[in-house]
N, C-alpha and C. Protein backbone atom coordinates (compact mmCIF):
# COMPACT_ATOMS: atom_id res chain seq x y z
N MET A 1 5.30 -10.66 16.77
CA MET A 1 5.87 -11.96 16.47
C MET A 1 4.86 -12.76 15.68
N SER A 2 5.30 -13.50 14.66
CA SER A 2 4.40 -14.24 13.80
C SER A 2 4.75 -15.72 13.79
N ASN A 3 3.73 -16.54 13.79
CA ASN A 3 3.85 -17.98 13.80
C ASN A 3 3.21 -18.49 12.51
N SER A 4 3.71 -19.59 11.92
CA SER A 4 3.13 -20.12 10.69
C SER A 4 2.72 -21.57 10.89
N VAL A 5 1.49 -21.89 10.46
CA VAL A 5 0.98 -23.26 10.58
C VAL A 5 0.28 -23.63 9.28
N ASN A 6 0.19 -24.94 8.99
CA ASN A 6 -0.55 -25.37 7.81
C ASN A 6 -2.04 -25.47 8.16
N ILE A 7 -2.88 -25.59 7.16
CA ILE A 7 -4.33 -25.58 7.36
C ILE A 7 -4.78 -26.73 8.26
N HIS A 8 -4.24 -27.92 8.05
CA HIS A 8 -4.62 -29.08 8.87
C HIS A 8 -4.32 -28.81 10.35
N GLU A 9 -3.12 -28.30 10.62
CA GLU A 9 -2.73 -27.99 12.00
C GLU A 9 -3.63 -26.90 12.58
N ALA A 10 -3.98 -25.90 11.77
CA ALA A 10 -4.86 -24.82 12.23
C ALA A 10 -6.23 -25.36 12.62
N LYS A 11 -6.77 -26.28 11.80
CA LYS A 11 -8.08 -26.86 12.12
C LYS A 11 -8.00 -27.71 13.39
N THR A 12 -6.92 -28.47 13.52
CA THR A 12 -6.76 -29.37 14.66
C THR A 12 -6.56 -28.60 15.96
N HIS A 13 -5.83 -27.50 15.92
CA HIS A 13 -5.46 -26.77 17.13
C HIS A 13 -6.02 -25.35 17.16
N LEU A 14 -7.20 -25.15 16.62
CA LEU A 14 -7.77 -23.80 16.53
C LEU A 14 -7.88 -23.12 17.89
N SER A 15 -8.33 -23.83 18.91
CA SER A 15 -8.47 -23.22 20.24
C SER A 15 -7.13 -22.71 20.75
N ARG A 16 -6.07 -23.50 20.58
CA ARG A 16 -4.73 -23.07 21.02
C ARG A 16 -4.26 -21.85 20.23
N LEU A 17 -4.51 -21.87 18.92
CA LEU A 17 -4.11 -20.72 18.09
C LEU A 17 -4.82 -19.45 18.54
N ILE A 18 -6.11 -19.57 18.84
CA ILE A 18 -6.88 -18.41 19.29
C ILE A 18 -6.34 -17.88 20.61
N GLU A 19 -5.96 -18.76 21.52
CA GLU A 19 -5.37 -18.32 22.78
C GLU A 19 -4.08 -17.54 22.54
N ARG A 20 -3.24 -18.04 21.62
CA ARG A 20 -1.98 -17.37 21.32
C ARG A 20 -2.23 -16.01 20.67
N VAL A 21 -3.21 -15.95 19.78
CA VAL A 21 -3.55 -14.69 19.11
C VAL A 21 -4.11 -13.70 20.12
N ALA A 22 -4.94 -14.17 21.03
CA ALA A 22 -5.49 -13.30 22.06
C ALA A 22 -4.38 -12.72 22.94
N ALA A 23 -3.27 -13.45 23.06
CA ALA A 23 -2.12 -12.97 23.85
C ALA A 23 -1.24 -12.02 23.04
N GLY A 24 -1.58 -11.79 21.75
CA GLY A 24 -0.85 -10.83 20.95
C GLY A 24 0.01 -11.40 19.84
N GLU A 25 -0.01 -12.71 19.65
CA GLU A 25 0.82 -13.33 18.61
C GLU A 25 0.02 -13.51 17.32
N ASP A 26 0.54 -13.05 16.20
CA ASP A 26 -0.10 -13.26 14.90
C ASP A 26 0.22 -14.66 14.39
N THR A 27 -0.69 -15.26 13.63
CA THR A 27 -0.46 -16.58 13.06
C THR A 27 -0.78 -16.53 11.57
N VAL A 28 0.15 -17.03 10.76
CA VAL A 28 -0.05 -17.14 9.32
C VAL A 28 -0.47 -18.57 9.03
N ILE A 29 -1.57 -18.74 8.28
CA ILE A 29 -2.05 -20.06 7.90
C ILE A 29 -1.66 -20.29 6.45
N ALA A 30 -1.02 -21.43 6.20
CA ALA A 30 -0.47 -21.72 4.87
C ALA A 30 -1.07 -22.98 4.28
N ARG A 31 -1.13 -23.01 2.96
CA ARG A 31 -1.55 -24.20 2.22
C ARG A 31 -0.37 -24.57 1.33
N ALA A 32 0.13 -25.78 1.49
CA ALA A 32 1.29 -26.26 0.72
C ALA A 32 2.47 -25.28 0.85
N GLY A 33 2.65 -24.74 2.07
CA GLY A 33 3.77 -23.85 2.32
C GLY A 33 3.59 -22.41 1.87
N ARG A 34 2.45 -22.11 1.22
CA ARG A 34 2.20 -20.75 0.75
C ARG A 34 1.17 -20.07 1.66
N PRO A 35 1.49 -18.90 2.20
CA PRO A 35 0.56 -18.19 3.09
C PRO A 35 -0.76 -17.87 2.38
N VAL A 36 -1.88 -18.16 3.05
CA VAL A 36 -3.20 -17.85 2.48
C VAL A 36 -4.05 -16.99 3.40
N ALA A 37 -3.71 -16.94 4.69
CA ALA A 37 -4.52 -16.16 5.63
C ALA A 37 -3.66 -15.77 6.82
N ARG A 38 -4.12 -14.74 7.52
CA ARG A 38 -3.43 -14.31 8.73
C ARG A 38 -4.45 -14.16 9.84
N LEU A 39 -4.20 -14.79 10.96
CA LEU A 39 -5.07 -14.74 12.12
C LEU A 39 -4.47 -13.71 13.07
N ILE A 40 -5.22 -12.63 13.33
CA ILE A 40 -4.73 -11.55 14.18
C ILE A 40 -5.75 -11.24 15.27
N GLN A 41 -5.27 -10.59 16.31
CA GLN A 41 -6.12 -10.23 17.43
C GLN A 41 -7.16 -9.20 17.00
N PHE A 42 -8.40 -9.38 17.42
CA PHE A 42 -9.47 -8.44 17.11
C PHE A 42 -9.39 -7.27 18.07
N ARG A 43 -9.44 -6.08 17.52
CA ARG A 43 -9.42 -4.88 18.35
C ARG A 43 -10.61 -4.02 17.99
N THR A 44 -11.30 -3.55 19.01
CA THR A 44 -12.41 -2.65 18.74
C THR A 44 -11.86 -1.25 18.56
N ARG A 45 -12.55 -0.46 17.80
CA ARG A 45 -12.13 0.92 17.54
C ARG A 45 -12.20 1.70 18.84
N THR A 46 -11.12 2.41 19.14
CA THR A 46 -11.08 3.18 20.39
C THR A 46 -11.60 4.60 20.20
N THR A 47 -11.57 5.08 18.97
CA THR A 47 -12.10 6.42 18.71
C THR A 47 -13.25 6.31 17.72
N PRO A 48 -14.28 7.10 17.89
CA PRO A 48 -15.41 7.03 16.97
C PRO A 48 -15.03 7.54 15.58
N ARG A 49 -15.70 7.00 14.56
CA ARG A 49 -15.49 7.48 13.19
C ARG A 49 -15.96 8.93 13.09
N VAL A 50 -15.28 9.68 12.25
CA VAL A 50 -15.65 11.07 12.02
C VAL A 50 -16.11 11.18 10.57
N PRO A 51 -17.42 11.29 10.34
CA PRO A 51 -17.91 11.41 8.97
C PRO A 51 -17.35 12.65 8.28
N GLY A 52 -16.96 12.50 7.03
CA GLY A 52 -16.51 13.63 6.23
C GLY A 52 -15.06 14.00 6.39
N GLN A 53 -14.25 13.20 7.07
CA GLN A 53 -12.86 13.60 7.27
C GLN A 53 -12.03 13.52 5.99
N TRP A 54 -12.53 12.86 4.93
CA TRP A 54 -11.83 12.83 3.64
C TRP A 54 -12.38 13.89 2.67
N ARG A 55 -13.31 14.70 3.14
CA ARG A 55 -13.91 15.74 2.29
C ARG A 55 -12.82 16.62 1.69
N ASP A 56 -12.97 16.91 0.40
CA ASP A 56 -12.04 17.75 -0.36
C ASP A 56 -10.67 17.10 -0.60
N GLN A 57 -10.52 15.82 -0.27
CA GLN A 57 -9.27 15.12 -0.51
C GLN A 57 -9.42 14.05 -1.58
N ILE A 58 -10.65 13.69 -1.91
CA ILE A 58 -10.92 12.68 -2.92
C ILE A 58 -11.77 13.30 -4.02
N VAL A 59 -11.40 13.04 -5.26
CA VAL A 59 -12.14 13.58 -6.39
C VAL A 59 -12.64 12.41 -7.23
N ILE A 60 -13.93 12.41 -7.54
CA ILE A 60 -14.52 11.39 -8.40
C ILE A 60 -14.78 12.04 -9.75
N ALA A 61 -14.21 11.44 -10.79
CA ALA A 61 -14.36 11.99 -12.14
C ALA A 61 -15.84 12.01 -12.54
N PRO A 62 -16.27 13.01 -13.28
CA PRO A 62 -17.67 13.11 -13.69
C PRO A 62 -18.13 11.89 -14.50
N ASP A 63 -17.21 11.24 -15.23
CA ASP A 63 -17.60 10.09 -16.07
C ASP A 63 -17.17 8.75 -15.45
N PHE A 64 -17.05 8.68 -14.13
CA PHE A 64 -16.55 7.46 -13.49
C PHE A 64 -17.43 6.24 -13.78
N ASP A 65 -18.68 6.44 -14.04
CA ASP A 65 -19.57 5.31 -14.30
C ASP A 65 -19.96 5.17 -15.78
N ALA A 66 -19.24 5.86 -16.65
CA ALA A 66 -19.51 5.76 -18.09
C ALA A 66 -19.13 4.36 -18.59
N VAL A 67 -19.90 3.87 -19.53
CA VAL A 67 -19.68 2.53 -20.08
C VAL A 67 -18.86 2.64 -21.35
N ASN A 68 -17.83 1.81 -21.44
CA ASN A 68 -17.00 1.75 -22.64
C ASN A 68 -17.67 0.78 -23.60
N ASP A 69 -18.18 1.26 -24.74
CA ASP A 69 -18.92 0.42 -25.68
C ASP A 69 -18.06 -0.73 -26.21
N GLU A 70 -16.79 -0.51 -26.41
CA GLU A 70 -15.91 -1.56 -26.93
C GLU A 70 -15.82 -2.72 -25.93
N ILE A 71 -15.68 -2.43 -24.68
CA ILE A 71 -15.61 -3.48 -23.66
C ILE A 71 -16.95 -4.20 -23.55
N THR A 72 -18.04 -3.46 -23.56
CA THR A 72 -19.37 -4.07 -23.49
C THR A 72 -19.59 -5.00 -24.69
N THR A 73 -19.26 -4.57 -25.87
CA THR A 73 -19.44 -5.39 -27.07
C THR A 73 -18.58 -6.64 -27.00
N ASP A 74 -17.33 -6.53 -26.56
CA ASP A 74 -16.43 -7.68 -26.45
C ASP A 74 -16.96 -8.70 -25.45
N SER A 75 -17.46 -8.25 -24.31
CA SER A 75 -17.93 -9.20 -23.31
C SER A 75 -19.23 -9.87 -23.73
N GLU A 76 -20.09 -9.15 -24.46
CA GLU A 76 -21.31 -9.76 -24.98
C GLU A 76 -21.00 -10.81 -26.03
N ALA A 77 -20.00 -10.56 -26.86
CA ALA A 77 -19.62 -11.49 -27.94
C ALA A 77 -19.01 -12.76 -27.37
N SER A 78 -18.32 -12.66 -26.23
CA SER A 78 -17.68 -13.82 -25.65
C SER A 78 -18.62 -14.62 -24.76
N GLY A 79 -19.81 -14.11 -24.53
CA GLY A 79 -20.82 -14.83 -23.75
C GLY A 79 -20.71 -14.62 -22.25
N GLU A 80 -19.97 -13.64 -21.81
CA GLU A 80 -19.83 -13.38 -20.38
C GLU A 80 -20.98 -12.59 -19.84
């Protein structure tokens, strides 16, 4: 279940929001009616990470860090 509050209300009632989130309710924080953040219950990992479980499933191209001279020249010319 999700609840929506504006930023002012979230700042004013943060302790109450945290209690509700701790009980399992998600809260969406909005600015001018537009969602900007979601407050959710923190959960610790129940199973340990297994290093290497993505091995042989991800491929990195040999030229992944090659520089495109055209982009470099354009950004230098624009002063970025």
